[in-house]
């Protein structure tokens, strides 16, 4: 089943739908897509919302959530 993000990408970025990397489990933090000259479009997430998701869903402390995001998400 398609979700809102996939539908958004298919409608607005049809040539990049399969190329834009999405962070699993952070759908509620999705803000949109960012573009910069010379680079392919990338998914954009609210850092604050991502941290909140990890702290509530995974019962992480703020520092654990920051470390998790830096190591597992932003480096991808």
PDB file of N, CA and C in Angstrom:
ATOM      1  N   UNK A   1       0.839  -1.190   0.000  1.00  0.00           N
ATOM      2  CA  UNK A   1       0.000   0.000   0.000  1.00  0.00           C
ATOM      3  C   UNK A   1       0.880   1.248   0.000  1.00  0.00           C
ATOM      4  N   UNK A   2       0.545   2.182  -0.853  1.00  0.00           N
ATOM      5  CA  UNK A   2       1.310   3.420  -0.940  1.00  0.00           C
ATOM      6  C   UNK A   2       0.940   4.333   0.214  1.00  0.00           C
ATOM      7  N   UNK A   3       1.936   5.104   0.650  1.00  0.00           N
ATOM      8  CA  UNK A   3       1.655   6.072   1.700  1.00  0.00           C
ATOM      9  C   UNK A   3       1.714   7.488   1.137  1.00  0.00           C
ATOM     10  N   UNK A   4       1.447   8.469   1.991  1.00  0.00           N
ATOM     11  CA  UNK A   4       1.422   9.871   1.551  1.00  0.00           C
ATOM     12  C   UNK A   4       2.760  10.307   0.985  1.00  0.00           C
ATOM     13  N   UNK A   5       3.859   9.844   1.572  1.00  0.00           N
ATOM     14  CA  UNK A   5       5.186  10.258   1.109  1.00  0.00           C
ATOM     15  C   UNK A   5       5.454   9.711  -0.284  1.00  0.00           C
ATOM     16  N   UNK A   6       5.162   8.435  -0.487  1.00  0.00           N
ATOM     17  CA  UNK A   6       5.363   7.830  -1.798  1.00  0.00           C
ATOM     18  C   UNK A   6       4.508   8.526  -2.848  1.00  0.00           C
ATOM     19  N   UNK A   7       3.274   8.807  -2.524  1.00  0.00           N
ATOM     20  CA  UNK A   7       2.401   9.523  -3.457  1.00  0.00           C
ATOM     21  C   UNK A   7       2.954  10.904  -3.775  1.00  0.00           C
ATOM     22  N   UNK A   8       3.441  11.605  -2.760  1.00  0.00           N
ATOM     23  CA  UNK A   8       4.033  12.938  -2.947  1.00  0.00           C
ATOM     24  C   UNK A   8       5.231  12.856  -3.891  1.00  0.00           C
ATOM     25  N   UNK A   9       6.099  11.871  -3.666  1.00  0.00           N
ATOM     26  CA  UNK A   9       7.288  11.725  -4.508  1.00  0.00           C
ATOM     27  C   UNK A   9       6.906  11.389  -5.945  1.00  0.00           C
ATOM     28  N   UNK A  10       5.966  10.483  -6.118  1.00  0.00           N
ATOM     29  CA  UNK A  10       5.541  10.107  -7.464  1.00  0.00           C
ATOM     30  C   UNK A  10       4.940  11.284  -8.217  1.00  0.00           C
ATOM     31  N   UNK A  11       4.229  12.129  -7.500  1.00  0.00           N
ATOM     32  CA  UNK A  11       3.586  13.279  -8.139  1.00  0.00           C
ATOM     33  C   UNK A  11       4.576  14.399  -8.435  1.00  0.00           C
ATOM     34  N   UNK A  12       5.491  14.672  -7.504  1.00  0.00           N
ATOM     35  CA  UNK A  12       6.373  15.831  -7.631  1.00  0.00           C
ATOM     36  C   UNK A  12       7.786  15.517  -8.108  1.00  0.00           C
ATOM     37  N   UNK A  13       8.227  14.277  -7.935  1.00  0.00           N
ATOM     38  CA  UNK A  13       9.588  13.880  -8.321  1.00  0.00           C
ATOM     39  C   UNK A  13       9.563  12.527  -9.014  1.00  0.00           C
ATOM     40  N   UNK A  14       8.802  12.398 -10.107  1.00  0.00           N
ATOM     41  CA  UNK A  14       8.636  11.086 -10.737  1.00  0.00           C
ATOM     42  C   UNK A  14       9.948  10.458 -11.218  1.00  0.00           C
ATOM     43  N   UNK A  15      10.914  11.264 -11.606  1.00  0.00           N
ATOM     44  CA  UNK A  15      12.191  10.727 -12.073  1.00  0.00           C
ATOM     45  C   UNK A  15      13.099  10.299 -10.929  1.00  0.00           C
ATOM     46  N   UNK A  16      12.747  10.648  -9.700  1.00  0.00           N
ATOM     47  CA  UNK A  16      13.602  10.360  -8.548  1.00  0.00           C
ATOM     48  C   UNK A  16      12.917   9.491  -7.493  1.00  0.00           C
ATOM     49  N   UNK A  17      11.717   9.031  -7.789  1.00  0.00           N
ATOM     50  CA  UNK A  17      10.939   8.275  -6.808  1.00  0.00           C
ATOM     51  C   UNK A  17      11.746   7.127  -6.199  1.00  0.00           C
ATOM     52  N   UNK A  18      12.467   6.391  -7.016  1.00  0.00           N
ATOM     53  CA  UNK A  18      13.247   5.261  -6.518  1.00  0.00           C
ATOM     54  C   UNK A  18      14.639   5.660  -6.038  1.00  0.00           C
ATOM     55  N   UNK A  19      15.019   6.906  -6.255  1.00  0.00           N
ATOM     56  CA  UNK A  19      16.370   7.353  -5.899  1.00  0.00           C
ATOM     57  C   UNK A  19      16.416   8.117  -4.582  1.00  0.00           C
ATOM     58  N   UNK A  20      15.290   8.674  -4.164  1.00  0.00           N
ATOM     59  CA  UNK A  20      15.263   9.452  -2.921  1.00  0.00           C
ATOM     60  C   UNK A  20      15.184   8.483  -1.747  1.00  0.00           C
ATOM     61  N   UNK A  21      16.198   8.532  -0.904  1.00  0.00           N
ATOM     62  CA  UNK A  21      16.293   7.641   0.253  1.00  0.00           C
ATOM     63  C   UNK A  21      15.386   8.140   1.373  1.00  0.00           C
ATOM     64  N   UNK A  22      14.514   7.252   1.845  1.00  0.00           N
ATOM     65  CA  UNK A  22      13.598   7.591   2.935  1.00  0.00           C
ATOM     66  C   UNK A  22      14.040   6.882   4.206  1.00  0.00           C
ATOM     67  N   UNK A  23      13.847   7.531   5.333  1.00  0.00           N
ATOM     68  CA  UNK A  23      14.208   6.966   6.637  1.00  0.00           C
ATOM     69  C   UNK A  23      13.010   6.208   7.204  1.00  0.00           C
ATOM     70  N   UNK A  24      13.136   4.893   7.281  1.00  0.00           N
ATOM     71  CA  UNK A  24      12.048   4.064   7.812  1.00  0.00           C
ATOM     72  C   UNK A  24      11.748   4.425   9.257  1.00  0.00           C
ATOM     73  N   UNK A  25      10.467   4.524   9.559  1.00  0.00           N
ATOM     74  CA  UNK A  25      10.040   4.796  10.923  1.00  0.00           C
ATOM     75  C   UNK A  25       9.966   6.268  11.279  1.00  0.00           C
ATOM     76  N   UNK A  26      10.300   7.135  10.340  1.00  0.00           N
ATOM     77  CA  UNK A  26      10.286   8.573  10.609  1.00  0.00           C
ATOM     78  C   UNK A  26       9.307   9.315   9.697  1.00  0.00           C
ATOM     79  N   UNK A  27       8.281   8.609   9.247  1.00  0.00           N
ATOM     80  CA  UNK A  27       7.311   9.203   8.337  1.00  0.00           C
ATOM     81  C   UNK A  27       6.655  10.455   8.922  1.00  0.00           C
ATOM     82  N   UNK A  28       6.405  10.464  10.209  1.00  0.00           N
ATOM     83  CA  UNK A  28       5.759  11.633  10.831  1.00  0.00           C
ATOM     84  C   UNK A  28       6.682  12.841  10.910  1.00  0.00           C
ATOM     85  N   UNK A  29       7.962  12.653  10.669  1.00  0.00           N
ATOM     86  CA  UNK A  29       8.920  13.752  10.709  1.00  0.00           C
ATOM     87  C   UNK A  29       9.262  14.274   9.308  1.00  0.00           C
ATOM     88  N   UNK A  30       8.702  13.651   8.275  1.00  0.00           N
ATOM     89  CA  UNK A  30       8.986  14.045   6.891  1.00  0.00           C
ATOM     90  C   UNK A  30       8.457  15.448   6.630  1.00  0.00           C
ATOM     91  N   UNK A  31       9.332  16.307   6.111  1.00  0.00           N
ATOM     92  CA  UNK A  31       8.965  17.689   5.821  1.00  0.00           C
ATOM     93  C   UNK A  31       8.742  17.886   4.324  1.00  0.00           C
ATOM     94  N   UNK A  32       9.575  17.269   3.521  1.00  0.00           N
ATOM     95  CA  UNK A  32       9.480  17.420   2.075  1.00  0.00           C
ATOM     96  C   UNK A  32      10.769  16.984   1.425  1.00  0.00           C
ATOM     97  N   UNK A  33      11.071  17.593   0.307  1.00  0.00           N
ATOM     98  CA  UNK A  33      12.277  17.276  -0.451  1.00  0.00           C
ATOM     99  C   UNK A  33      13.077  18.552  -0.627  1.00  0.00           C
ATOM    100  N   UNK A  34      14.386  18.442  -0.472  1.00  0.00           N
ATOM    101  CA  UNK A  34      15.260  19.598  -0.682  1.00  0.00           C
ATOM    102  C   UNK A  34      16.083  19.371  -1.937  1.00  0.00           C
ATOM    103  N   UNK A  35      16.371  20.470  -2.605  1.00  0.00           N
ATOM    104  CA  UNK A  35      17.167  20.425  -3.819  1.00  0.00           C
ATOM    105  C   UNK A  35      18.254  21.483  -3.728  1.00  0.00           C
ATOM    106  N   UNK A  36      19.403  21.160  -4.260  1.00  0.00           N
ATOM    107  CA  UNK A  36      20.474  22.144  -4.374  1.00  0.00           C
ATOM    108  C   UNK A  36      21.189  21.916  -5.699  1.00  0.00           C
ATOM    109  N   UNK A  37      21.713  22.955  -6.252  1.00  0.00           N
ATOM    110  CA  UNK A  37      22.337  22.898  -7.574  1.00  0.00           C
ATOM    111  C   UNK A  37      23.434  21.839  -7.601  1.00  0.00           C
ATOM    112  N   UNK A  38      23.382  20.985  -8.607  1.00  0.00           N
ATOM    113  CA  UNK A  38      24.403  19.971  -8.787  1.00  0.00           C
ATOM    114  C   UNK A  38      24.198  18.701  -7.981  1.00  0.00           C
ATOM    115  N   UNK A  39      23.149  18.640  -7.174  1.00  0.00           N
ATOM    116  CA  UNK A  39      22.868  17.452  -6.366  1.00  0.00           C
ATOM    117  C   UNK A  39      21.463  16.948  -6.663  1.00  0.00           C
ATOM    118  N   UNK A  40      21.280  15.649  -6.492  1.00  0.00           N
ATOM    119  CA  UNK A  40      19.947  15.088  -6.673  1.00  0.00           C
ATOM    120  C   UNK A  40      19.078  15.453  -5.468  1.00  0.00           C
ATOM    121  N   UNK A  41      17.768  15.506  -5.657  1.00  0.00           N
ATOM    122  CA  UNK A  41      16.864  15.812  -4.547  1.00  0.00           C
ATOM    123  C   UNK A  41      17.018  14.800  -3.412  1.00  0.00           C
ATOM    124  N   UNK A  42      16.816  15.286  -2.178  1.00  0.00           N
ATOM    125  CA  UNK A  42      16.920  14.437  -0.989  1.00  0.00           C
ATOM    126  C   UNK A  42      15.706  14.666  -0.101  1.00  0.00           C
ATOM    127  N   UNK A  43      15.328  13.610   0.624  1.00  0.00           N
ATOM    128  CA  UNK A  43      14.244  13.735   1.592  1.00  0.00           C
ATOM    129  C   UNK A  43      14.711  14.610   2.745  1.00  0.00           C
ATOM    130  N   UNK A  44      13.807  15.398   3.275  1.00  0.00           N
ATOM    131  CA  UNK A  44      14.111  16.290   4.390  1.00  0.00           C
ATOM    132  C   UNK A  44      13.193  15.950   5.565  1.00  0.00           C
ATOM    133  N   UNK A  45      13.797  15.821   6.741  1.00  0.00           N
ATOM    134  CA  UNK A  45      13.060  15.477   7.955  1.00  0.00           C
ATOM    135  C   UNK A  45      13.322  16.524   9.029  1.00  0.00           C
ATOM    136  N   UNK A  46      12.351  16.725   9.880  1.00  0.00           N
ATOM    137  CA  UNK A  46      12.502  17.614  11.022  1.00  0.00           C
ATOM    138  C   UNK A  46      13.355  16.905  12.073  1.00  0.00           C
ATOM    139  N   UNK A  47      14.480  17.496  12.410  1.00  0.00           N
ATOM    140  CA  UNK A  47      15.361  16.900  13.412  1.00  0.00           C
ATOM    141  C   UNK A  47      14.647  16.781  14.746  1.00  0.00           C
ATOM    142  N   UNK A  48      13.951  17.821  15.142  1.00  0.00           N
ATOM    143  CA  UNK A  48      13.235  17.809  16.420  1.00  0.00           C
ATOM    144  C   UNK A  48      12.195  16.686  16.465  1.00  0.00           C
ATOM    145  N   UNK A  49      11.467  16.512  15.354  1.00  0.00           N
ATOM    146  CA  UNK A  49      10.463  15.449  15.307  1.00  0.00           C
ATOM    147  C   UNK A  49      11.111  14.063  15.327  1.00  0.00           C
ATOM    148  N   UNK A  50      12.231  13.909  14.646  1.00  0.00           N
ATOM    149  CA  UNK A  50      12.953  12.626  14.665  1.00  0.00           C
ATOM    150  C   UNK A  50      13.402  12.287  16.080  1.00  0.00           C
ATOM    151  N   UNK A  51      13.932  13.268  16.783  1.00  0.00           N
ATOM    152  CA  UNK A  51      14.366  13.045  18.161  1.00  0.00           C
ATOM    153  C   UNK A  51      13.179  12.663  19.039  1.00  0.00           C
ATOM    154  N   UNK A  52      12.056  13.360  18.869  1.00  0.00           N
ATOM    155  CA  UNK A  52      10.852  13.041  19.641  1.00  0.00           C
ATOM    156  C   UNK A  52      10.386  11.613  19.373  1.00  0.00           C
ATOM    157  N   UNK A  53      10.412  11.200  18.124  1.00  0.00           N
ATOM    158  CA  UNK A  53      10.001   9.838  17.767  1.00  0.00           C
ATOM    159  C   UNK A  53      10.868   8.821  18.493  1.00  0.00           C
ATOM    160  N   UNK A  54      12.169   9.022  18.463  1.00  0.00           N
ATOM    161  CA  UNK A  54      13.077   8.072  19.120  1.00  0.00           C
ATOM    162  C   UNK A  54      12.899   8.065  20.633  1.00  0.00           C
ATOM    163  N   UNK A  55      12.690   9.233  21.218  1.00  0.00           N
ATOM    164  CA  UNK A  55      12.544   9.297  22.670  1.00  0.00           C
ATOM    165  C   UNK A  55      11.225   8.663  23.135  1.00  0.00           C
ATOM    166  N   UNK A  56      10.168   8.835  22.360  1.00  0.00           N
ATOM    167  CA  UNK A  56       8.868   8.286  22.754  1.00  0.00           C
ATOM    168  C   UNK A  56       8.741   6.825  22.315  1.00  0.00           C
ATOM    169  N   UNK A  57       8.945   6.570  21.052  1.00  0.00           N
ATOM    170  CA  UNK A  57       8.752   5.229  20.513  1.00  0.00           C
ATOM    171  C   UNK A  57       9.758   4.222  21.060  1.00  0.00           C
ATOM    172  N   UNK A  58      11.039   4.642  21.117  1.00  0.00           N
ATOM    173  CA  UNK A  58      12.102   3.719  21.510  1.00  0.00           C
ATOM    174  C   UNK A  58      12.616   3.959  22.925  1.00  0.00           C
ATOM    175  N   UNK A  59      11.960   4.880  23.628  1.00  0.00           N
ATOM    176  CA  UNK A  59      12.314   5.168  25.024  1.00  0.00           C
ATOM    177  C   UNK A  59      13.791   5.539  25.196  1.00  0.00           C
ATOM    178  N   UNK A  60      14.312   6.328  24.258  1.00  0.00           N
ATOM    179  CA  UNK A  60      15.706   6.776  24.329  1.00  0.00           C
ATOM    180  C   UNK A  60      15.780   8.089  25.086  1.00  0.00           C
ATOM    181  N   UNK A  61      16.937   8.332  25.685  1.00  0.00           N
ATOM    182  CA  UNK A  61      17.200   9.655  26.238  1.00  0.00           C
ATOM    183  C   UNK A  61      17.502  10.585  25.068  1.00  0.00           C
ATOM    184  N   UNK A  62      17.531  11.872  25.339  1.00  0.00           N
ATOM    185  CA  UNK A  62      17.857  12.842  24.291  1.00  0.00           C
ATOM    186  C   UNK A  62      19.227  12.539  23.691  1.00  0.00           C
ATOM    187  N   UNK A  63      20.231  12.305  24.543  1.00  0.00           N
ATOM    188  CA  UNK A  63      21.585  12.029  24.053  1.00  0.00           C
ATOM    189  C   UNK A  63      21.642  10.744  23.237  1.00  0.00           C
ATOM    190  N   UNK A  64      20.915   9.712  23.654  1.00  0.00           N
ATOM    191  CA  UNK A  64      20.877   8.465  22.892  1.00  0.00           C
ATOM    192  C   UNK A  64      20.235   8.685  21.527  1.00  0.00           C
ATOM    193  N   UNK A  65      19.181   9.481  21.499  1.00  0.00           N
ATOM    194  CA  UNK A  65      18.496   9.764  20.243  1.00  0.00           C
ATOM    195  C   UNK A  65      19.396  10.534  19.286  1.00  0.00           C
ATOM    196  N   UNK A  66      20.113  11.527  19.796  1.00  0.00           N
ATOM    197  CA  UNK A  66      21.043  12.298  18.961  1.00  0.00           C
ATOM    198  C   UNK A  66      22.116  11.372  18.390  1.00  0.00           C
ATOM    199  N   UNK A  67      22.698  10.539  19.241  1.00  0.00           N
ATOM    200  CA  UNK A  67      23.747   9.620  18.793  1.00  0.00           C
ATOM    201  C   UNK A  67      23.207   8.651  17.735  1.00  0.00           C
ATOM    202  N   UNK A  68      22.015   8.125  17.970  1.00  0.00           N
ATOM    203  CA  UNK A  68      21.409   7.199  17.013  1.00  0.00           C
ATOM    204  C   UNK A  68      21.219   7.876  15.657  1.00  0.00           C
ATOM    205  N   UNK A  69      20.668   9.083  15.668  1.00  0.00           N
ATOM    206  CA  UNK A  69      20.438   9.786  14.404  1.00  0.00           C
ATOM    207  C   UNK A  69      21.741  10.094  13.682  1.00  0.00           C
ATOM    208  N   UNK A  70      22.742  10.562  14.436  1.00  0.00           N
ATOM    209  CA  UNK A  70      24.024  10.890  13.806  1.00  0.00           C
ATOM    210  C   UNK A  70      24.674   9.668  13.189  1.00  0.00           C
ATOM    211  N   UNK A  71      24.586   8.545  13.845  1.00  0.00           N
ATOM    212  CA  UNK A  71      25.276   7.340  13.368  1.00  0.00           C
ATOM    213  C   UNK A  71      24.472   6.583  12.329  1.00  0.00           C
ATOM    214  N   UNK A  72      23.169   6.465  12.509  1.00  0.00           N
ATOM    215  CA  UNK A  72      22.351   5.591  11.669  1.00  0.00           C
ATOM    216  C   UNK A  72      21.536   6.279  10.587  1.00  0.00           C
ATOM    217  N   UNK A  73      21.264   7.547  10.749  1.00  0.00           N
ATOM    218  CA  UNK A  73      20.361   8.195   9.794  1.00  0.00           C
ATOM    219  C   UNK A  73      21.066   9.253   8.954  1.00  0.00           C
ATOM    220  N   UNK A  74      21.687  10.228   9.591  1.00  0.00           N
ATOM    221  CA  UNK A  74      22.264  11.336   8.818  1.00  0.00           C
ATOM    222  C   UNK A  74      23.477  10.918   8.007  1.00  0.00           C
ATOM    223  N   UNK A  75      24.113   9.827   8.355  1.00  0.00           N
ATOM    224  CA  UNK A  75      25.278   9.364   7.596  1.00  0.00           C
ATOM    225  C   UNK A  75      24.882   8.503   6.389  1.00  0.00           C
ATOM    226  N   UNK A  76      23.595   8.166   6.292  1.00  0.00           N
ATOM    227  CA  UNK A  76      23.131   7.311   5.180  1.00  0.00           C
ATOM    228  C   UNK A  76      23.063   8.110   3.886  1.00  0.00           C
TER     229      UNK A  76
END
